[in-house]
Amino acid sequence: IVNEPAMRAQMIALGFEPQPNTPEEFGAFIKEEIVKWGKVAKT
């Protein structure tokens, strides 16, 4: 869906930048974000 040219154009026009990935990649990304924003909240 997000790689369809019409959808990509619509999302970008709205301010979204499509970034689909695999379940494993998304899971690893979530763990990295938890660590990152924990540091920001503390700071």
PDB file of all heavy atoms in Angstrom:
ATOM      1  N   ILE A   1       0.828  -1.210   0.000  1.00  0.00           N
ATOM      2  CA  ILE A   1       0.000   0.000   0.000  1.00  0.00           C
ATOM      3  C   ILE A   1       0.861   1.259   0.000  1.00  0.00           C
ATOM      4  O   ILE A   1       0.672   2.160  -0.818  1.00  0.00           O
ATOM      5  CB  ILE A   1      -0.950   0.002   1.224  1.00  0.00           C
ATOM      6  CG1 ILE A   1      -2.081  -1.021   1.026  1.00  0.00           C
ATOM      7  CG2 ILE A   1      -1.540   1.405   1.459  1.00  0.00           C
ATOM      8  CD1 ILE A   1      -2.887  -1.273   2.285  1.00  0.00           C
ATOM      9  N   VAL A   2       1.825   1.335   0.922  1.00  0.00           N
ATOM     10  CA  VAL A   2       2.605   2.570   1.041  1.00  0.00           C
ATOM     11  C   VAL A   2       3.616   2.734  -0.090  1.00  0.00           C
ATOM     12  O   VAL A   2       4.122   3.837  -0.310  1.00  0.00           O
ATOM     13  CB  VAL A   2       3.309   2.680   2.407  1.00  0.00           C
ATOM     14  CG1 VAL A   2       2.300   2.684   3.533  1.00  0.00           C
ATOM     15  CG2 VAL A   2       4.329   1.577   2.599  1.00  0.00           C
ATOM     16  N   ASN A   3       3.900   1.647  -0.819  1.00  0.00           N
ATOM     17  CA  ASN A   3       4.811   1.758  -1.957  1.00  0.00           C
ATOM     18  C   ASN A   3       4.101   2.052  -3.274  1.00  0.00           C
ATOM     19  O   ASN A   3       4.770   2.242  -4.297  1.00  0.00           O
ATOM     20  CB  ASN A   3       5.639   0.469  -2.090  1.00  0.00           C
ATOM     21  CG  ASN A   3       6.769   0.403  -1.076  1.00  0.00           C
ATOM     22  OD1 ASN A   3       7.283   1.435  -0.635  1.00  0.00           O
ATOM     23  ND2 ASN A   3       7.159  -0.800  -0.684  1.00  0.00           N
ATOM     24  N   GLU A   4       2.782   2.078  -3.258  1.00  0.00           N
ATOM     25  CA  GLU A   4       2.057   2.473  -4.468  1.00  0.00           C
ATOM     26  C   GLU A   4       2.345   3.949  -4.747  1.00  0.00           C
ATOM     27  O   GLU A   4       2.266   4.786  -3.843  1.00  0.00           O
ATOM     28  CB  GLU A   4       0.551   2.269  -4.280  1.00  0.00           C
ATOM     29  CG  GLU A   4       0.137   0.797  -4.185  1.00  0.00           C
ATOM     30  CD  GLU A   4      -1.333   0.637  -3.841  1.00  0.00           C
ATOM     31  OE1 GLU A   4      -1.990   1.667  -3.531  1.00  0.00           O
ATOM     32  OE2 GLU A   4      -1.820  -0.509  -3.862  1.00  0.00           O
ATOM     33  N   PRO A   5       2.686   4.305  -5.977  1.00  0.00           N
ATOM     34  CA  PRO A   5       3.045   5.696  -6.297  1.00  0.00           C
ATOM     35  C   PRO A   5       2.006   6.719  -5.847  1.00  0.00           C
ATOM     36  O   PRO A   5       2.363   7.768  -5.293  1.00  0.00           O
ATOM     37  CB  PRO A   5       3.195   5.677  -7.812  1.00  0.00           C
ATOM     38  CG  PRO A   5       3.616   4.273  -8.122  1.00  0.00           C
ATOM     39  CD  PRO A   5       2.862   3.417  -7.147  1.00  0.00           C
ATOM     40  N   ALA A   6       0.720   6.431  -6.058  1.00  0.00           N
ATOM     41  CA  ALA A   6      -0.325   7.388  -5.682  1.00  0.00           C
ATOM     42  C   ALA A   6      -0.381   7.570  -4.172  1.00  0.00           C
ATOM     43  O   ALA A   6      -0.546   8.693  -3.673  1.00  0.00           O
ATOM     44  CB  ALA A   6      -1.678   6.923  -6.211  1.00  0.00           C
ATOM     45  N   MET A   7      -0.240   6.468  -3.421  1.00  0.00           N
ATOM     46  CA  MET A   7      -0.277   6.564  -1.965  1.00  0.00           C
ATOM     47  C   MET A   7       0.962   7.284  -1.446  1.00  0.00           C
ATOM     48  O   MET A   7       0.876   8.120  -0.542  1.00  0.00           O
ATOM     49  CB  MET A   7      -0.380   5.174  -1.336  1.00  0.00           C
ATOM     50  CG  MET A   7      -0.354   5.176   0.203  1.00  0.00           C
ATOM     51  SD  MET A   7      -1.690   6.158   0.952  1.00  0.00           S
ATOM     52  CE  MET A   7      -3.066   4.997   0.774  1.00  0.00           C
ATOM     53  N   ARG A   8       2.133   6.976  -1.989  1.00  0.00           N
ATOM     54  CA  ARG A   8       3.352   7.664  -1.572  1.00  0.00           C
ATOM     55  C   ARG A   8       3.220   9.171  -1.777  1.00  0.00           C
ATOM     56  O   ARG A   8       3.563   9.972  -0.902  1.00  0.00           O
ATOM     57  CB  ARG A   8       4.565   7.150  -2.352  1.00  0.00           C
ATOM     58  CG  ARG A   8       5.062   5.794  -1.913  1.00  0.00           C
ATOM     59  CD  ARG A   8       6.355   5.426  -2.614  1.00  0.00           C
ATOM     60  NE  ARG A   8       7.426   6.334  -2.232  1.00  0.00           N
ATOM     61  CZ  ARG A   8       8.183   6.189  -1.145  1.00  0.00           C
ATOM     62  NH1 ARG A   8       7.961   5.179  -0.319  1.00  0.00           N
ATOM     63  NH2 ARG A   8       9.148   7.045  -0.870  1.00  0.00           N
ATOM     64  N   ALA A   9       2.690   9.555  -2.942  1.00  0.00           N
ATOM     65  CA  ALA A   9       2.526  10.979  -3.235  1.00  0.00           C
ATOM     66  C   ALA A   9       1.559  11.625  -2.257  1.00  0.00           C
ATOM     67  O   ALA A   9       1.793  12.749  -1.775  1.00  0.00           O
ATOM     68  CB  ALA A   9       2.041  11.159  -4.670  1.00  0.00           C
ATOM     69  N   GLN A  10       0.461  10.925  -1.943  1.00  0.00           N
ATOM     70  CA  GLN A  10      -0.532  11.465  -1.009  1.00  0.00           C
ATOM     71  C   GLN A  10       0.057  11.604   0.385  1.00  0.00           C
ATOM     72  O   GLN A  10      -0.137  12.629   1.062  1.00  0.00           O
ATOM     73  CB  GLN A  10      -1.761  10.559  -0.966  1.00  0.00           C
ATOM     74  CG  GLN A  10      -2.871  11.090  -0.055  1.00  0.00           C
ATOM     75  CD  GLN A  10      -4.091  10.180  -0.030  1.00  0.00           C
ATOM     76  OE1 GLN A  10      -4.091   9.094  -0.596  1.00  0.00           O
ATOM     77  NE2 GLN A  10      -5.150  10.621   0.624  1.00  0.00           N
ATOM     78  N   MET A  11       0.800  10.600   0.828  1.00  0.00           N
ATOM     79  CA  MET A  11       1.389  10.639   2.163  1.00  0.00           C
ATOM     80  C   MET A  11       2.419  11.752   2.280  1.00  0.00           C
ATOM     81  O   MET A  11       2.449  12.485   3.274  1.00  0.00           O
ATOM     82  CB  MET A  11       1.998   9.278   2.506  1.00  0.00           C
ATOM     83  CG  MET A  11       0.976   8.172   2.686  1.00  0.00           C
ATOM     84  SD  MET A  11       1.709   6.557   3.060  1.00  0.00           S
ATOM     85  CE  MET A  11       2.240   6.825   4.763  1.00  0.00           C
ATOM     86  N   ILE A  12       3.258  11.888   1.268  1.00  0.00           N
ATOM     87  CA  ILE A  12       4.280  12.939   1.298  1.00  0.00           C
ATOM     88  C   ILE A  12       3.633  14.316   1.309  1.00  0.00           C
ATOM     89  O   ILE A  12       4.074  15.225   2.031  1.00  0.00           O
ATOM     90  CB  ILE A  12       5.242  12.787   0.103  1.00  0.00           C
ATOM     91  CG1 ILE A  12       6.132  11.546   0.320  1.00  0.00           C
ATOM     92  CG2 ILE A  12       6.115  14.025  -0.058  1.00  0.00           C
ATOM     93  CD1 ILE A  12       6.972  11.172  -0.872  1.00  0.00           C
ATOM     94  N   ALA A  13       2.554  14.481   0.532  1.00  0.00           N
ATOM     95  CA  ALA A  13       1.845  15.765   0.517  1.00  0.00           C
ATOM     96  C   ALA A  13       1.280  16.109   1.886  1.00  0.00           C
ATOM     97  O   ALA A  13       1.172  17.292   2.252  1.00  0.00           O
ATOM     98  CB  ALA A  13       0.729  15.741  -0.525  1.00  0.00           C
ATOM     99  N   LEU A  14       0.933  15.086   2.658  1.00  0.00           N
ATOM    100  CA  LEU A  14       0.389  15.293   4.002  1.00  0.00           C
ATOM    101  C   LEU A  14       1.479  15.445   5.062  1.00  0.00           C
ATOM    102  O   LEU A  14       1.193  15.761   6.211  1.00  0.00           O
ATOM    103  CB  LEU A  14      -0.520  14.110   4.383  1.00  0.00           C
ATOM    104  CG  LEU A  14      -1.861  14.015   3.642  1.00  0.00           C
ATOM    105  CD1 LEU A  14      -2.526  12.675   3.931  1.00  0.00           C
ATOM    106  CD2 LEU A  14      -2.779  15.165   4.036  1.00  0.00           C
ATOM    107  N   GLY A  15       2.728  15.181   4.661  1.00  0.00           N
ATOM    108  CA  GLY A  15       3.833  15.307   5.612  1.00  0.00           C
ATOM    109  C   GLY A  15       4.398  14.002   6.100  1.00  0.00           C
ATOM    110  O   GLY A  15       5.358  13.985   6.877  1.00  0.00           O
ATOM    111  N   PHE A  16       3.831  12.872   5.669  1.00  0.00           N
ATOM    112  CA  PHE A  16       4.354  11.562   6.040  1.00  0.00           C
ATOM    113  C   PHE A  16       5.465  11.160   5.074  1.00  0.00           C
ATOM    114  O   PHE A  16       5.390  11.432   3.875  1.00  0.00           O
ATOM    115  CB  PHE A  16       3.268  10.496   5.960  1.00  0.00           C
ATOM    116  CG  PHE A  16       2.124  10.673   6.914  1.00  0.00           C
ATOM    117  CD1 PHE A  16       0.868  11.019   6.441  1.00  0.00           C
ATOM    118  CD2 PHE A  16       2.291  10.476   8.271  1.00  0.00           C
ATOM    119  CE1 PHE A  16      -0.207  11.167   7.304  1.00  0.00           C
ATOM    120  CE2 PHE A  16       1.223  10.623   9.152  1.00  0.00           C
ATOM    121  CZ  PHE A  16      -0.024  10.967   8.658  1.00  0.00           C
ATOM    122  N   GLU A  17       6.466  10.465   5.592  1.00  0.00           N
ATOM    123  CA  GLU A  17       7.488   9.881   4.744  1.00  0.00           C
ATOM    124  C   GLU A  17       7.428   8.372   4.939  1.00  0.00           C
ATOM    125  O   GLU A  17       7.802   7.861   6.001  1.00  0.00           O
ATOM    126  CB  GLU A  17       8.864  10.457   5.093  1.00  0.00           C
ATOM    127  CG  GLU A  17       8.928  11.956   4.835  1.00  0.00           C
ATOM    128  CD  GLU A  17      10.306  12.563   5.018  1.00  0.00           C
ATOM    129  OE1 GLU A  17      11.276  11.787   5.189  1.00  0.00           O
ATOM    130  OE2 GLU A  17      10.403  13.804   4.995  1.00  0.00           O
ATOM    131  N   PRO A  18       6.895   7.631   3.956  1.00  0.00           N
ATOM    132  CA  PRO A  18       6.693   6.180   4.094  1.00  0.00           C
ATOM    133  C   PRO A  18       7.984   5.447   4.436  1.00  0.00           C
ATOM    134  O   PRO A  18       9.023   5.685   3.829  1.00  0.00           O
ATOM    135  CB  PRO A  18       6.172   5.762   2.711  1.00  0.00           C
ATOM    136  CG  PRO A  18       5.553   7.013   2.152  1.00  0.00           C
ATOM    137  CD  PRO A  18       6.419   8.132   2.645  1.00  0.00           C
ATOM    138  N   GLN A  19       7.906   4.534   5.423  1.00  0.00           N
ATOM    139  CA  GLN A  19       9.098   3.816   5.891  1.00  0.00           C
ATOM    140  C   GLN A  19       8.762   2.369   6.254  1.00  0.00           C
ATOM    141  O   GLN A  19       9.080   1.917   7.365  1.00  0.00           O
ATOM    142  CB  GLN A  19       9.691   4.523   7.120  1.00  0.00           C
ATOM    143  CG  GLN A  19      10.147   5.929   6.915  1.00  0.00           C
ATOM    144  CD  GLN A  19      11.493   6.001   6.227  1.00  0.00           C
ATOM    145  OE1 GLN A  19      12.219   5.031   6.172  1.00  0.00           O
ATOM    146  NE2 GLN A  19      11.825   7.158   5.680  1.00  0.00           N
ATOM    147  N   PRO A  20       8.136   1.583   5.389  1.00  0.00           N
ATOM    148  CA  PRO A  20       7.801   0.203   5.776  1.00  0.00           C
ATOM    149  C   PRO A  20       9.050  -0.641   5.984  1.00  0.00           C
ATOM    150  O   PRO A  20      10.085  -0.408   5.351  1.00  0.00           O
ATOM    151  CB  PRO A  20       6.981  -0.295   4.584  1.00  0.00           C
ATOM    152  CG  PRO A  20       7.497   0.495   3.419  1.00  0.00           C
ATOM    153  CD  PRO A  20       7.782   1.871   3.983  1.00  0.00           C
ATOM    154  N   ASN A  21       8.948  -1.619   6.875  1.00  0.00           N
ATOM    155  CA  ASN A  21      10.055  -2.539   7.104  1.00  0.00           C
ATOM    156  C   ASN A  21       9.509  -3.881   7.545  1.00  0.00           C
ATOM    157  O   ASN A  21       8.292  -4.112   7.525  1.00  0.00           O
ATOM    158  CB  ASN A  21      11.055  -1.958   8.110  1.00  0.00           C
ATOM    159  CG  ASN A  21      10.435  -1.632   9.454  1.00  0.00           C
ATOM    160  OD1 ASN A  21       9.270  -1.946   9.712  1.00  0.00           O
ATOM    161  ND2 ASN A  21      11.190  -0.996  10.333  1.00  0.00           N
ATOM    162  N   THR A  22      10.365  -4.802   7.950  1.00  0.00           N
ATOM    163  CA  THR A  22       9.922  -6.124   8.371  1.00  0.00           C
ATOM    164  C   THR A  22       9.528  -6.095   9.846  1.00  0.00           C
ATOM    165  O   THR A  22       9.924  -5.188  10.588  1.00  0.00           O
ATOM    166  CB  THR A  22      11.042  -7.160   8.186  1.00  0.00           C
ATOM    167  OG1 THR A  22      12.112  -6.864   9.110  1.00  0.00           O
ATOM    168  CG2 THR A  22      11.581  -7.147   6.761  1.00  0.00           C
ATOM    169  N   PRO A  23       8.766  -7.101  10.307  1.00  0.00           N
ATOM    170  CA  PRO A  23       8.442  -7.156  11.741  1.00  0.00           C
ATOM    171  C   PRO A  23       9.686  -7.168  12.622  1.00  0.00           C
ATOM    172  O   PRO A  23       9.711  -6.533  13.682  1.00  0.00           O
ATOM    173  CB  PRO A  23       7.650  -8.461  11.867  1.00  0.00           C
ATOM    174  CG  PRO A  23       7.005  -8.630  10.526  1.00  0.00           C
ATOM    175  CD  PRO A  23       8.038  -8.140   9.548  1.00  0.00           C
ATOM    176  N   GLU A  24      10.742  -7.877  12.186  1.00  0.00           N
ATOM    177  CA  GLU A  24      11.967  -7.939  12.968  1.00  0.00           C
ATOM    178  C   GLU A  24      12.668  -6.581  13.024  1.00  0.00           C
ATOM    179  O   GLU A  24      13.162  -6.154  14.075  1.00  0.00           O
ATOM    180  CB  GLU A  24      12.916  -8.988  12.375  1.00  0.00           C
ATOM    181  CG  GLU A  24      12.468 -10.425  12.583  1.00  0.00           C
ATOM    182  CD  GLU A  24      11.297 -10.832  11.687  1.00  0.00           C
ATOM    183  OE1 GLU A  24      11.094 -10.198  10.625  1.00  0.00           O
ATOM    184  OE2 GLU A  24      10.587 -11.784  12.058  1.00  0.00           O
ATOM    185  N   GLU A  25      12.714  -5.906  11.885  1.00  0.00           N
ATOM    186  CA  GLU A  25      13.332  -4.578  11.846  1.00  0.00           C
ATOM    187  C   GLU A  25      12.552  -3.588  12.696  1.00  0.00           C
ATOM    188  O   GLU A  25      13.141  -2.769  13.414  1.00  0.00           O
ATOM    189  CB  GLU A  25      13.410  -4.088  10.399  1.00  0.00           C
ATOM    190  CG  GLU A  25      14.416  -4.835   9.551  1.00  0.00           C
ATOM    191  CD  GLU A  25      14.305  -4.529   8.068  1.00  0.00           C
ATOM    192  OE1 GLU A  25      13.221  -4.077   7.631  1.00  0.00           O
ATOM    193  OE2 GLU A  25      15.288  -4.753   7.344  1.00  0.00           O
ATOM    194  N   PHE A  26      11.235  -3.673  12.634  1.00  0.00           N
ATOM    195  CA  PHE A  26      10.405  -2.768  13.425  1.00  0.00           C
ATOM    196  C   PHE A  26      10.598  -3.048  14.918  1.00  0.00           C
ATOM    197  O   PHE A  26      10.714  -2.124  15.728  1.00  0.00           O
ATOM    198  CB  PHE A  26       8.942  -2.923  13.027  1.00  0.00           C
ATOM    199  CG  PHE A  26       8.005  -1.920  13.651  1.00  0.00           C
ATOM    200  CD1 PHE A  26       8.436  -0.651  14.016  1.00  0.00           C
ATOM    201  CD2 PHE A  26       6.669  -2.240  13.867  1.00  0.00           C
ATOM    202  CE1 PHE A  26       7.571   0.273  14.583  1.00  0.00           C
ATOM    203  CE2 PHE A  26       5.790  -1.330  14.430  1.00  0.00           C
ATOM    204  CZ  PHE A  26       6.240  -0.075  14.800  1.00  0.00           C
ATOM    205  N   GLY A  27      10.669  -4.321  15.293  1.00  0.00           N
ATOM    206  CA  GLY A  27      10.881  -4.676  16.696  1.00  0.00           C
ATOM    207  C   GLY A  27      12.200  -4.136  17.229  1.00  0.00           C
ATOM    208  O   GLY A  27      12.272  -3.613  18.345  1.00  0.00           O
ATOM    209  N   ALA A  28      13.266  -4.243  16.425  1.00  0.00           N
ATOM    210  CA  ALA A  28      14.574  -3.731  16.842  1.00  0.00           C
ATOM    211  C   ALA A  28      14.551  -2.210  16.945  1.00  0.00           C
ATOM    212  O   ALA A  28      15.135  -1.621  17.866  1.00  0.00           O
ATOM    213  CB  ALA A  28      15.647  -4.175  15.842  1.00  0.00           C
ATOM    214  N   PHE A  29      13.853  -1.570  16.023  1.00  0.00           N
ATOM    215  CA  PHE A  29      13.729  -0.106  16.025  1.00  0.00           C
ATOM    216  C   PHE A  29      13.024   0.368  17.291  1.00  0.00           C
ATOM    217  O   PHE A  29      13.443   1.352  17.916  1.00  0.00           O
ATOM    218  CB  PHE A  29      12.955   0.334  14.787  1.00  0.00           C
ATOM    219  CG  PHE A  29      12.596   1.794  14.755  1.00  0.00           C
ATOM    220  CD1 PHE A  29      13.546   2.751  14.429  1.00  0.00           C
ATOM    221  CD2 PHE A  29      11.297   2.215  15.037  1.00  0.00           C
ATOM    222  CE1 PHE A  29      13.218   4.105  14.397  1.00  0.00           C
ATOM    223  CE2 PHE A  29      10.963   3.558  15.006  1.00  0.00           C
ATOM    224  CZ  PHE A  29      11.924   4.500  14.686  1.00  0.00           C
ATOM    225  N   ILE A  30      11.964  -0.323  17.692  1.00  0.00           N
ATOM    226  CA  ILE A  30      11.217   0.048  18.893  1.00  0.00           C
ATOM    227  C   ILE A  30      12.131   0.026  20.123  1.00  0.00           C
ATOM    228  O   ILE A  30      12.115   0.952  20.948  1.00  0.00           O
ATOM    229  CB  ILE A  30      10.024  -0.905  19.105  1.00  0.00           C
ATOM    230  CG1 ILE A  30       8.985  -0.705  17.996  1.00  0.00           C
ATOM    231  CG2 ILE A  30       9.372  -0.662  20.474  1.00  0.00           C
ATOM    232  CD1 ILE A  30       8.003  -1.854  17.875  1.00  0.00           C
ATOM    233  N   LYS A  31      12.932  -1.018  20.247  1.00  0.00           N
ATOM    234  CA  LYS A  31      13.830  -1.125  21.395  1.00  0.00           C
ATOM    235  C   LYS A  31      14.841   0.023  21.411  1.00  0.00           C
ATOM    236  O   LYS A  31      15.155   0.584  22.471  1.00  0.00           O
ATOM    237  CB  LYS A  31      14.545  -2.473  21.369  1.00  0.00           C
ATOM    238  CG  LYS A  31      13.606  -3.654  21.634  1.00  0.00           C
ATOM    239  CD  LYS A  31      14.329  -4.986  21.519  1.00  0.00           C
ATOM    240  CE  LYS A  31      13.366  -6.145  21.765  1.00  0.00           C
ATOM    241  NZ  LYS A  31      14.025  -7.465  21.597  1.00  0.00           N
ATOM    242  N   GLU A  32      15.342   0.394  20.235  1.00  0.00           N
ATOM    243  CA  GLU A  32      16.282   1.518  20.147  1.00  0.00           C
ATOM    244  C   GLU A  32      15.609   2.823  20.561  1.00  0.00           C
ATOM    245  O   GLU A  32      16.208   3.655  21.252  1.00  0.00           O
ATOM    246  CB  GLU A  32      16.812   1.634  18.714  1.00  0.00           C
ATOM    247  CG  GLU A  32      17.721   0.488  18.291  1.00  0.00           C
ATOM    248  CD  GLU A  32      18.038   0.517  16.809  1.00  0.00           C
ATOM    249  OE1 GLU A  32      17.519   1.429  16.111  1.00  0.00           O
ATOM    250  OE2 GLU A  32      18.792  -0.351  16.345  1.00  0.00           O
ATOM    251  N   GLU A  33      14.350   3.003  20.134  1.00  0.00           N
ATOM    252  CA  GLU A  33      13.618   4.227  20.459  1.00  0.00           C
ATOM    253  C   GLU A  33      13.334   4.335  21.954  1.00  0.00           C
ATOM    254  O   GLU A  33      13.362   5.424  22.522  1.00  0.00           O
ATOM    255  CB  GLU A  33      12.307   4.275  19.663  1.00  0.00           C
ATOM    256  CG  GLU A  33      12.478   4.604  18.206  1.00  0.00           C
ATOM    257  CD  GLU A  33      12.833   6.062  17.999  1.00  0.00           C
ATOM    258  OE1 GLU A  33      11.934   6.915  18.067  1.00  0.00           O
ATOM    259  OE2 GLU A  33      14.028   6.357  17.784  1.00  0.00           O
ATOM    260  N   ILE A  34      13.026   3.211  22.586  1.00  0.00           N
ATOM    261  CA  ILE A  34      12.778   3.216  24.031  1.00  0.00           C
ATOM    262  C   ILE A  34      14.006   3.726  24.779  1.00  0.00           C
ATOM    263  O   ILE A  34      13.902   4.552  25.696  1.00  0.00           O
ATOM    264  CB  ILE A  34      12.372   1.807  24.512  1.00  0.00           C
ATOM    265  CG1 ILE A  34      10.964   1.469  23.991  1.00  0.00           C
ATOM    266  CG2 ILE A  34      12.406   1.731  26.041  1.00  0.00           C
ATOM    267  CD1 ILE A  34      10.550   0.024  24.238  1.00  0.00           C
ATOM    268  N   VAL A  35      15.175   3.259  24.385  1.00  0.00           N
ATOM    269  CA  VAL A  35      16.425   3.697  25.016  1.00  0.00           C
ATOM    270  C   VAL A  35      16.674   5.179  24.733  1.00  0.00           C
ATOM    271  O   VAL A  35      16.985   5.963  25.640  1.00  0.00           O
ATOM    272  CB  VAL A  35      17.610   2.849  24.512  1.00  0.00           C
ATOM    273  CG1 VAL A  35      18.927   3.426  25.021  1.00  0.00           C
ATOM    274  CG2 VAL A  35      17.464   1.401  24.963  1.00  0.00           C
ATOM    275  N   LYS A  36      16.526   5.584  23.481  1.00  0.00           N
ATOM    276  CA  LYS A  36      16.792   6.969  23.073  1.00  0.00           C
ATOM    277  C   LYS A  36      15.928   7.959  23.836  1.00  0.00           C
ATOM    278  O   LYS A  36      16.425   8.940  24.405  1.00  0.00           O
ATOM    279  CB  LYS A  36      16.553   7.117  21.572  1.00  0.00           C
ATOM    280  CG  LYS A  36      16.595   8.561  21.076  1.00  0.00           C
ATOM    281  CD  LYS A  36      16.197   8.650  19.609  1.00  0.00           C
ATOM    282  CE  LYS A  36      16.071  10.091  19.151  1.00  0.00           C
ATOM    283  NZ  LYS A  36      15.695  10.184  17.707  1.00  0.00           N
ATOM    284  N   TRP A  37      14.612   7.711  23.860  1.00  0.00           N
ATOM    285  CA  TRP A  37      13.708   8.681  24.473  1.00  0.00           C
ATOM    286  C   TRP A  37      13.736   8.621  25.986  1.00  0.00           C
ATOM    287  O   TRP A  37      13.387   9.590  26.659  1.00  0.00           O
ATOM    288  CB  TRP A  37      12.302   8.525  23.909  1.00  0.00           C
ATOM    289  CG  TRP A  37      12.255   8.997  22.495  1.00  0.00           C
ATOM    290  CD1 TRP A  37      12.236   8.238  21.365  1.00  0.00           C
ATOM    291  CD2 TRP A  37      12.295  10.362  22.053  1.00  0.00           C
ATOM    292  NE1 TRP A  37      12.250   9.037  20.249  1.00  0.00           N
ATOM    293  CE2 TRP A  37      12.283  10.340  20.640  1.00  0.00           C
ATOM    294  CE3 TRP A  37      12.334  11.584  22.705  1.00  0.00           C
ATOM    295  CZ2 TRP A  37      12.312  11.500  19.876  1.00  0.00           C
ATOM    296  CZ3 TRP A  37      12.364  12.746  21.951  1.00  0.00           C
ATOM    297  CH2 TRP A  37      12.355  12.692  20.553  1.00  0.00           C
ATOM    298  N   GLY A  38      14.188   7.492  26.526  1.00  0.00           N
ATOM    299  CA  GLY A  38      14.415   7.435  27.969  1.00  0.00           C
ATOM    300  C   GLY A  38      15.508   8.410  28.375  1.00  0.00           C
ATOM    301  O   GLY A  38      15.393   9.106  29.391  1.00  0.00           O
ATOM    302  N   LYS A  39      16.545   8.499  27.559  1.00  0.00           N
ATOM    303  CA  LYS A  39      17.637   9.441  27.824  1.00  0.00           C
ATOM    304  C   LYS A  39      17.154  10.890  27.675  1.00  0.00           C
ATOM    305  O   LYS A  39      17.534  11.761  28.469  1.00  0.00           O
ATOM    306  CB  LYS A  39      18.792   9.172  26.868  1.00  0.00           C
ATOM    307  CG  LYS A  39      19.502   7.849  27.118  1.00  0.00           C
ATOM    308  CD  LYS A  39      20.612   7.608  26.103  1.00  0.00           C
ATOM    309  CE  LYS A  39      21.328   6.292  26.353  1.00  0.00           C
ATOM    310  NZ  LYS A  39      22.366   6.018  25.317  1.00  0.00           N
ATOM    311  N   VAL A  40      16.316  11.154  26.655  1.00  0.00           N
ATOM    312  CA  VAL A  40      15.795  12.512  26.449  1.00  0.00           C
ATOM    313  C   VAL A  40      14.930  12.939  27.631  1.00  0.00           C
ATOM    314  O   VAL A  40      15.044  14.064  28.134  1.00  0.00           O
ATOM    315  CB  VAL A  40      14.987  12.604  25.142  1.00  0.00           C
ATOM    316  CG1 VAL A  40      14.270  13.948  25.040  1.00  0.00           C
ATOM    317  CG2 VAL A  40      15.900  12.411  23.937  1.00  0.00           C
ATOM    318  N   ALA A  41      14.056  12.029  28.092  1.00  0.00           N
ATOM    319  CA  ALA A  41      13.186  12.344  29.227  1.00  0.00           C
ATOM    320  C   ALA A  41      14.000  12.652  30.472  1.00  0.00           C
ATOM    321  O   ALA A  41      13.686  13.584  31.226  1.00  0.00           O
ATOM    322  CB  ALA A  41      12.216  11.203  29.482  1.00  0.00           C
ATOM    323  N   LYS A  42      15.067  11.887  30.679  1.00  0.00           N
ATOM    324  CA  LYS A  42      15.925  12.118  31.844  1.00  0.00           C
ATOM    325  C   LYS A  42      16.633  13.460  31.745  1.00  0.00           C
ATOM    326  O   LYS A  42      16.692  14.223  32.721  1.00  0.00           O
ATOM    327  CB  LYS A  42      16.943  10.982  31.959  1.00  0.00           C
ATOM    328  CG  LYS A  42      17.814  11.065  33.203  1.00  0.00           C
ATOM    329  CD  LYS A  42      18.737   9.860  33.304  1.00  0.00           C
ATOM    330  CE  LYS A  42      19.590   9.948  34.575  1.00  0.00           C
ATOM    331  NZ  LYS A  42      20.489   8.744  34.695  1.00  0.00           N
ATOM    332  N   THR A  43      17.149  13.764  30.551  1.00  0.00           N
ATOM    333  CA  THR A  43      17.844  15.046  30.343  1.00  0.00           C
ATOM    334  C   THR A  43      16.895  16.210  30.541  1.00  0.00           C
ATOM    335  O   THR A  43      17.279  17.255  31.082  1.00  0.00           O
ATOM    336  CB  THR A  43      18.435  15.096  28.918  1.00  0.00           C
ATOM    337  OG1 THR A  43      19.368  14.019  28.779  1.00  0.00           O
ATOM    338  CG2 THR A  43      19.150  16.418  28.669  1.00  0.00           C
TER     339      THR A  43
END
